């Protein structure tokens, strides 16, 4: 399959300087194999479900905000 991708100029130049022209497709395919989750990976699918759960995400956002604020007051400050 052929894809048209746009990447920053500095990365394109580094790719051209580093990887010979006849090896670039293989190089990029190997990077994608390493970076993309395997099809049907149960952990990845579970993470997607968590990301899609708006109720859970709202609850996690509340926890995060409370945890970030917790302990930030100085020792001499009170509620």
PDB file of N, CA and C in Angstrom:
ATOM      1  N   UNK A   1       0.845  -1.165   0.000  1.00  0.00           N
ATOM      2  CA  UNK A   1       0.000   0.000   0.000  1.00  0.00           C
ATOM      3  C   UNK A   1       0.895   1.235   0.000  1.00  0.00           C
ATOM      4  N   UNK A   2       0.519   2.199  -0.761  1.00  0.00           N
ATOM      5  CA  UNK A   2       1.255   3.458  -0.763  1.00  0.00           C
ATOM      6  C   UNK A   2       0.464   4.484   0.029  1.00  0.00           C
ATOM      7  N   UNK A   3       1.184   5.267   0.841  1.00  0.00           N
ATOM      8  CA  UNK A   3       0.580   6.330   1.637  1.00  0.00           C
ATOM      9  C   UNK A   3       1.340   7.620   1.399  1.00  0.00           C
ATOM     10  N   UNK A   4       0.628   8.715   1.387  1.00  0.00           N
ATOM     11  CA  UNK A   4       1.272  10.023   1.315  1.00  0.00           C
ATOM     12  C   UNK A   4       1.249  10.604   2.721  1.00  0.00           C
ATOM     13  N   UNK A   5       2.423  10.830   3.277  1.00  0.00           N
ATOM     14  CA  UNK A   5       2.539  11.355   4.633  1.00  0.00           C
ATOM     15  C   UNK A   5       3.262  12.697   4.597  1.00  0.00           C
ATOM     16  N   UNK A   6       2.881  13.565   5.484  1.00  0.00           N
ATOM     17  CA  UNK A   6       3.577  14.842   5.631  1.00  0.00           C
ATOM     18  C   UNK A   6       4.299  14.824   6.967  1.00  0.00           C
ATOM     19  N   UNK A   7       5.601  15.039   6.935  1.00  0.00           N
ATOM     20  CA  UNK A   7       6.399  15.095   8.153  1.00  0.00           C
ATOM     21  C   UNK A   7       7.186  16.397   8.132  1.00  0.00           C
ATOM     22  N   UNK A   8       7.630  16.866   9.293  1.00  0.00           N
ATOM     23  CA  UNK A   8       8.421  18.093   9.336  1.00  0.00           C
ATOM     24  C   UNK A   8       9.686  17.970   8.473  1.00  0.00           C
ATOM     25  N   UNK A   9      10.070  19.070   7.870  1.00  0.00           N
ATOM     26  CA  UNK A   9      11.233  19.081   6.980  1.00  0.00           C
ATOM     27  C   UNK A   9      12.482  18.516   7.631  1.00  0.00           C
ATOM     28  N   UNK A  10      12.715  18.889   8.901  1.00  0.00           N
ATOM     29  CA  UNK A  10      13.951  18.432   9.545  1.00  0.00           C
ATOM     30  C   UNK A  10      13.979  16.904   9.696  1.00  0.00           C
ATOM     31  N   UNK A  11      12.805  16.279   9.913  1.00  0.00           N
ATOM     32  CA  UNK A  11      12.763  14.813  10.013  1.00  0.00           C
ATOM     33  C   UNK A  11      12.961  14.167   8.643  1.00  0.00           C
ATOM     34  N   UNK A  12      12.366  14.757   7.633  1.00  0.00           N
ATOM     35  CA  UNK A  12      12.546  14.241   6.281  1.00  0.00           C
ATOM     36  C   UNK A  12      14.004  14.283   5.861  1.00  0.00           C
ATOM     37  N   UNK A  13      14.676  15.370   6.192  1.00  0.00           N
ATOM     38  CA  UNK A  13      16.093  15.501   5.856  1.00  0.00           C
ATOM     39  C   UNK A  13      16.931  14.468   6.609  1.00  0.00           C
ATOM     40  N   UNK A  14      16.624  14.285   7.886  1.00  0.00           N
ATOM     41  CA  UNK A  14      17.360  13.277   8.673  1.00  0.00           C
ATOM     42  C   UNK A  14      17.145  11.885   8.111  1.00  0.00           C
ATOM     43  N   UNK A  15      15.906  11.594   7.711  1.00  0.00           N
ATOM     44  CA  UNK A  15      15.602  10.297   7.121  1.00  0.00           C
ATOM     45  C   UNK A  15      16.421  10.095   5.841  1.00  0.00           C
ATOM     46  N   UNK A  16      16.426  11.103   4.978  1.00  0.00           N
ATOM     47  CA  UNK A  16      17.175  11.005   3.719  1.00  0.00           C
ATOM     48  C   UNK A  16      18.670  10.831   3.945  1.00  0.00           C
ATOM     49  N   UNK A  17      19.202  11.536   4.940  1.00  0.00           N
ATOM     50  CA  UNK A  17      20.633  11.458   5.210  1.00  0.00           C
ATOM     51  C   UNK A  17      21.040  10.144   5.871  1.00  0.00           C
ATOM     52  N   UNK A  18      20.133   9.573   6.631  1.00  0.00           N
ATOM     53  CA  UNK A  18      20.466   8.406   7.439  1.00  0.00           C
ATOM     54  C   UNK A  18      20.130   7.080   6.776  1.00  0.00           C
ATOM     55  N   UNK A  19      18.984   7.000   6.109  1.00  0.00           N
ATOM     56  CA  UNK A  19      18.503   5.736   5.555  1.00  0.00           C
ATOM     57  C   UNK A  19      18.601   5.781   4.029  1.00  0.00           C
ATOM     58  N   UNK A  20      19.289   4.827   3.435  1.00  0.00           N
ATOM     59  CA  UNK A  20      19.383   4.788   1.971  1.00  0.00           C
ATOM     60  C   UNK A  20      17.994   4.730   1.323  1.00  0.00           C
ATOM     61  N   UNK A  21      17.855   5.310   0.133  1.00  0.00           N
ATOM     62  CA  UNK A  21      16.545   5.452  -0.507  1.00  0.00           C
ATOM     63  C   UNK A  21      15.804   4.124  -0.680  1.00  0.00           C
ATOM     64  N   UNK A  22      16.470   3.059  -0.975  1.00  0.00           N
ATOM     65  CA  UNK A  22      15.799   1.779  -1.197  1.00  0.00           C
ATOM     66  C   UNK A  22      15.482   1.041   0.094  1.00  0.00           C
ATOM     67  N   UNK A  23      15.813   1.628   1.241  1.00  0.00           N
ATOM     68  CA  UNK A  23      15.539   0.984   2.523  1.00  0.00           C
ATOM     69  C   UNK A  23      14.542   1.768   3.375  1.00  0.00           C
ATOM     70  N   UNK A  24      14.096   2.911   2.883  1.00  0.00           N
ATOM     71  CA  UNK A  24      13.221   3.788   3.689  1.00  0.00           C
ATOM     72  C   UNK A  24      11.863   3.171   3.978  1.00  0.00           C
ATOM     73  N   UNK A  25      11.246   2.543   2.997  1.00  0.00           N
ATOM     74  CA  UNK A  25       9.934   1.931   3.227  1.00  0.00           C
ATOM     75  C   UNK A  25      10.027   0.834   4.286  1.00  0.00           C
ATOM     76  N   UNK A  26      11.051   0.013   4.182  1.00  0.00           N
ATOM     77  CA  UNK A  26      11.242  -1.056   5.161  1.00  0.00           C
ATOM     78  C   UNK A  26      11.483  -0.460   6.551  1.00  0.00           C
ATOM     79  N   UNK A  27      12.294   0.584   6.624  1.00  0.00           N
ATOM     80  CA  UNK A  27      12.600   1.244   7.892  1.00  0.00           C
ATOM     81  C   UNK A  27      11.316   1.765   8.545  1.00  0.00           C
ATOM     82  N   UNK A  28      10.495   2.457   7.773  1.00  0.00           N
ATOM     83  CA  UNK A  28       9.256   3.031   8.312  1.00  0.00           C
ATOM     84  C   UNK A  28       8.279   1.919   8.696  1.00  0.00           C
ATOM     85  N   UNK A  29       8.197   0.858   7.887  1.00  0.00           N
ATOM     86  CA  UNK A  29       7.319  -0.267   8.221  1.00  0.00           C
ATOM     87  C   UNK A  29       7.733  -0.906   9.546  1.00  0.00           C
ATOM     88  N   UNK A  30       9.034  -1.060   9.765  1.00  0.00           N
ATOM     89  CA  UNK A  30       9.512  -1.637  11.027  1.00  0.00           C
ATOM     90  C   UNK A  30       9.190  -0.728  12.206  1.00  0.00           C
ATOM     91  N   UNK A  31       9.334   0.582  12.018  1.00  0.00           N
ATOM     92  CA  UNK A  31       8.963   1.517  13.088  1.00  0.00           C
ATOM     93  C   UNK A  31       7.483   1.398  13.435  1.00  0.00           C
ATOM     94  N   UNK A  32       6.644   1.309  12.406  1.00  0.00           N
ATOM     95  CA  UNK A  32       5.209   1.186  12.645  1.00  0.00           C
ATOM     96  C   UNK A  32       4.862  -0.124  13.343  1.00  0.00           C
ATOM     97  N   UNK A  33       5.510  -1.206  12.956  1.00  0.00           N
ATOM     98  CA  UNK A  33       5.275  -2.495  13.614  1.00  0.00           C
ATOM     99  C   UNK A  33       5.586  -2.416  15.099  1.00  0.00           C
ATOM    100  N   UNK A  34       6.668  -1.728  15.431  1.00  0.00           N
ATOM    101  CA  UNK A  34       7.059  -1.597  16.834  1.00  0.00           C
ATOM    102  C   UNK A  34       6.140  -0.653  17.598  1.00  0.00           C
ATOM    103  N   UNK A  35       5.676   0.411  16.946  1.00  0.00           N
ATOM    104  CA  UNK A  35       4.922   1.458  17.633  1.00  0.00           C
ATOM    105  C   UNK A  35       3.429   1.178  17.748  1.00  0.00           C
ATOM    106  N   UNK A  36       2.865   0.489  16.761  1.00  0.00           N
ATOM    107  CA  UNK A  36       1.425   0.261  16.772  1.00  0.00           C
ATOM    108  C   UNK A  36       1.078  -0.980  17.584  1.00  0.00           C
ATOM    109  N   UNK A  37      -0.050  -0.942  18.275  1.00  0.00           N
ATOM    110  CA  UNK A  37      -0.445  -2.135  19.040  1.00  0.00           C
ATOM    111  C   UNK A  37      -0.817  -3.264  18.088  1.00  0.00           C
ATOM    112  N   UNK A  38      -0.602  -4.480  18.553  1.00  0.00           N
ATOM    113  CA  UNK A  38      -0.976  -5.648  17.769  1.00  0.00           C
ATOM    114  C   UNK A  38      -2.495  -5.698  17.638  1.00  0.00           C
ATOM    115  N   UNK A  39      -2.962  -6.189  16.497  1.00  0.00           N
ATOM    116  CA  UNK A  39      -4.409  -6.311  16.303  1.00  0.00           C
ATOM    117  C   UNK A  39      -4.979  -7.242  17.364  1.00  0.00           C
ATOM    118  N   UNK A  40      -6.040  -6.809  18.008  1.00  0.00           N
ATOM    119  CA  UNK A  40      -6.692  -7.640  19.010  1.00  0.00           C
ATOM    120  C   UNK A  40      -5.978  -7.709  20.342  1.00  0.00           C
ATOM    121  N   UNK A  41      -4.956  -6.878  20.567  1.00  0.00           N
ATOM    122  CA  UNK A  41      -4.235  -6.865  21.842  1.00  0.00           C
ATOM    123  C   UNK A  41      -5.221  -6.530  22.960  1.00  0.00           C
ATOM    124  N   UNK A  42      -5.460  -7.455  23.890  1.00  0.00           N
ATOM    125  CA  UNK A  42      -6.481  -7.231  24.915  1.00  0.00           C
ATOM    126  C   UNK A  42      -6.204  -6.017  25.800  1.00  0.00           C
ATOM    127  N   UNK A  43      -4.947  -5.753  26.116  1.00  0.00           N
ATOM    128  CA  UNK A  43      -4.644  -4.580  26.941  1.00  0.00           C
ATOM    129  C   UNK A  43      -4.954  -3.290  26.196  1.00  0.00           C
ATOM    130  N   UNK A  44      -4.596  -3.253  24.924  1.00  0.00           N
ATOM    131  CA  UNK A  44      -4.879  -2.064  24.117  1.00  0.00           C
ATOM    132  C   UNK A  44      -6.388  -1.859  23.975  1.00  0.00           C
ATOM    133  N   UNK A  45      -7.125  -2.935  23.715  1.00  0.00           N
ATOM    134  CA  UNK A  45      -8.576  -2.828  23.578  1.00  0.00           C
ATOM    135  C   UNK A  45      -9.223  -2.364  24.883  1.00  0.00           C
ATOM    136  N   UNK A  46      -8.703  -2.848  26.016  1.00  0.00           N
ATOM    137  CA  UNK A  46      -9.228  -2.408  27.313  1.00  0.00           C
ATOM    138  C   UNK A  46      -8.950  -0.921  27.528  1.00  0.00           C
ATOM    139  N   UNK A  47      -7.750  -0.482  27.144  1.00  0.00           N
ATOM    140  CA  UNK A  47      -7.406   0.940  27.285  1.00  0.00           C
ATOM    141  C   UNK A  47      -8.308   1.805  26.416  1.00  0.00           C
ATOM    142  N   UNK A  48      -8.632   1.345  25.216  1.00  0.00           N
ATOM    143  CA  UNK A  48      -9.551   2.093  24.354  1.00  0.00           C
ATOM    144  C   UNK A  48     -10.919   2.230  24.999  1.00  0.00           C
ATOM    145  N   UNK A  49     -11.399   1.143  25.599  1.00  0.00           N
ATOM    146  CA  UNK A  49     -12.706   1.184  26.261  1.00  0.00           C
ATOM    147  C   UNK A  49     -12.699   2.186  27.415  1.00  0.00           C
ATOM    148  N   UNK A  50     -11.617   2.205  28.175  1.00  0.00           N
ATOM    149  CA  UNK A  50     -11.501   3.159  29.283  1.00  0.00           C
ATOM    150  C   UNK A  50     -11.529   4.587  28.746  1.00  0.00           C
ATOM    151  N   UNK A  51     -10.811   4.834  27.661  1.00  0.00           N
ATOM    152  CA  UNK A  51     -10.779   6.177  27.076  1.00  0.00           C
ATOM    153  C   UNK A  51     -12.155   6.605  26.582  1.00  0.00           C
ATOM    154  N   UNK A  52     -12.946   5.665  26.124  1.00  0.00           N
ATOM    155  CA  UNK A  52     -14.276   5.979  25.583  1.00  0.00           C
ATOM    156  C   UNK A  52     -15.339   6.155  26.665  1.00  0.00           C
ATOM    157  N   UNK A  53     -15.048   5.731  27.881  1.00  0.00           N
ATOM    158  CA  UNK A  53     -16.014   5.789  28.980  1.00  0.00           C
ATOM    159  C   UNK A  53     -16.020   7.196  29.568  1.00  0.00           C
ATOM    160  N   UNK A  54     -17.004   8.012  29.167  1.00  0.00           N
ATOM    161  CA  UNK A  54     -17.036   9.416  29.591  1.00  0.00           C
ATOM    162  C   UNK A  54     -17.268   9.561  31.093  1.00  0.00           C
ATOM    163  N   UNK A  55     -18.082   8.681  31.680  1.00  0.00           N
ATOM    164  CA  UNK A  55     -18.336   8.747  33.117  1.00  0.00           C
ATOM    165  C   UNK A  55     -17.052   8.475  33.895  1.00  0.00           C
ATOM    166  N   UNK A  56     -16.343   7.424  33.515  1.00  0.00           N
ATOM    167  CA  UNK A  56     -15.089   7.086  34.182  1.00  0.00           C
ATOM    168  C   UNK A  56     -14.061   8.198  33.990  1.00  0.00           C
ATOM    169  N   UNK A  57     -13.982   8.758  32.791  1.00  0.00           N
ATOM    170  CA  UNK A  57     -13.027   9.834  32.545  1.00  0.00           C
ATOM    171  C   UNK A  57     -13.323  11.067  33.390  1.00  0.00           C
ATOM    172  N   UNK A  58     -14.603  11.393  33.562  1.00  0.00           N
ATOM    173  CA  UNK A  58     -14.973  12.531  34.407  1.00  0.00           C
ATOM    174  C   UNK A  58     -14.557  12.272  35.848  1.00  0.00           C
ATOM    175  N   UNK A  59     -14.784  11.046  36.323  1.00  0.00           N
ATOM    176  CA  UNK A  59     -14.397  10.684  37.691  1.00  0.00           C
ATOM    177  C   UNK A  59     -12.879  10.734  37.854  1.00  0.00           C
ATOM    178  N   UNK A  60     -12.147  10.218  36.873  1.00  0.00           N
ATOM    179  CA  UNK A  60     -10.683  10.242  36.949  1.00  0.00           C
ATOM    180  C   UNK A  60     -10.154  11.680  36.930  1.00  0.00           C
ATOM    181  N   UNK A  61     -10.814  12.549  36.158  1.00  0.00           N
ATOM    182  CA  UNK A  61     -10.418  13.952  36.116  1.00  0.00           C
ATOM    183  C   UNK A  61     -10.590  14.598  37.491  1.00  0.00           C
ATOM    184  N   UNK A  62     -11.696  14.286  38.175  1.00  0.00           N
ATOM    185  CA  UNK A  62     -11.923  14.806  39.530  1.00  0.00           C
ATOM    186  C   UNK A  62     -10.829  14.324  40.484  1.00  0.00           C
ATOM    187  N   UNK A  63     -10.514  13.035  40.424  1.00  0.00           N
ATOM    188  CA  UNK A  63      -9.465  12.486  41.287  1.00  0.00           C
ATOM    189  C   UNK A  63      -8.144  13.192  41.029  1.00  0.00           C
ATOM    190  N   UNK A  64      -7.817  13.361  39.757  1.00  0.00           N
ATOM    191  CA  UNK A  64      -6.545  13.985  39.385  1.00  0.00           C
ATOM    192  C   UNK A  64      -6.471  15.416  39.934  1.00  0.00           C
ATOM    193  N   UNK A  65      -7.560  16.175  39.778  1.00  0.00           N
ATOM    194  CA  UNK A  65      -7.573  17.555  40.266  1.00  0.00           C
ATOM    195  C   UNK A  65      -7.415  17.607  41.779  1.00  0.00           C
ATOM    196  N   UNK A  66      -8.089  16.687  42.485  1.00  0.00           N
ATOM    197  CA  UNK A  66      -7.975  16.658  43.941  1.00  0.00           C
ATOM    198  C   UNK A  66      -6.584  16.237  44.382  1.00  0.00           C
ATOM    199  N   UNK A  67      -6.014  15.245  43.700  1.00  0.00           N
ATOM    200  CA  UNK A  67      -4.668  14.787  44.064  1.00  0.00           C
ATOM    201  C   UNK A  67      -3.605  15.848  43.782  1.00  0.00           C
ATOM    202  N   UNK A  68      -3.768  16.579  42.704  1.00  0.00           N
ATOM    203  CA  UNK A  68      -2.798  17.629  42.371  1.00  0.00           C
ATOM    204  C   UNK A  68      -2.841  18.725  43.427  1.00  0.00           C
ATOM    205  N   UNK A  69      -4.042  19.073  43.870  1.00  0.00           N
ATOM    206  CA  UNK A  69      -4.185  20.133  44.861  1.00  0.00           C
ATOM    207  C   UNK A  69      -3.778  19.676  46.258  1.00  0.00           C
ATOM    208  N   UNK A  70      -3.890  18.381  46.535  1.00  0.00           N
ATOM    209  CA  UNK A  70      -3.588  17.843  47.850  1.00  0.00           C
ATOM    210  C   UNK A  70      -2.107  18.022  48.172  1.00  0.00           C
ATOM    211  N   UNK A  71      -1.836  18.601  49.328  1.00  0.00           N
ATOM    212  CA  UNK A  71      -0.453  18.739  49.776  1.00  0.00           C
ATOM    213  C   UNK A  71       0.280  19.935  49.218  1.00  0.00           C
ATOM    214  N   UNK A  72      -0.413  20.775  48.472  1.00  0.00           N
ATOM    215  CA  UNK A  72       0.272  21.939  47.904  1.00  0.00           C
ATOM    216  C   UNK A  72       0.276  23.138  48.851  1.00  0.00           C
ATOM    217  N   UNK A  73      -0.553  23.085  49.894  1.00  0.00           N
ATOM    218  CA  UNK A  73      -0.559  24.177  50.851  1.00  0.00           C
ATOM    219  C   UNK A  73       0.696  24.115  51.696  1.00  0.00           C
ATOM    220  N   UNK A  74       1.152  25.269  52.143  1.00  0.00           N
ATOM    221  CA  UNK A  74       2.309  25.308  53.017  1.00  0.00           C
ATOM    222  C   UNK A  74       1.995  24.705  54.366  1.00  0.00           C
ATOM    223  N   UNK A  75       3.000  24.367  55.143  1.00  0.00           N
ATOM    224  CA  UNK A  75       2.798  23.723  56.444  1.00  0.00           C
ATOM    225  C   UNK A  75       2.059  24.621  57.408  1.00  0.00           C
ATOM    226  N   UNK A  76       2.206  25.937  57.277  1.00  0.00           N
ATOM    227  CA  UNK A  76       1.549  26.855  58.198  1.00  0.00           C
ATOM    228  C   UNK A  76       0.143  27.258  57.731  1.00  0.00           C
ATOM    229  N   UNK A  77      -0.281  26.801  56.535  1.00  0.00           N
ATOM    230  CA  UNK A  77      -1.608  27.138  56.035  1.00  0.00           C
ATOM    231  C   UNK A  77      -2.618  26.099  56.497  1.00  0.00           C
ATOM    232  N   UNK A  78      -3.839  26.536  56.681  1.00  0.00           N
ATOM    233  CA  UNK A  78      -4.928  25.631  57.051  1.00  0.00           C
ATOM    234  C   UNK A  78      -6.078  25.841  56.104  1.00  0.00           C
ATOM    235  N   UNK A  79      -7.063  24.919  56.169  1.00  0.00           N
ATOM    236  CA  UNK A  79      -8.260  25.038  55.312  1.00  0.00           C
ATOM    237  C   UNK A  79      -9.045  26.186  55.749  1.00  0.00           C
TER     238      UNK A  79
END
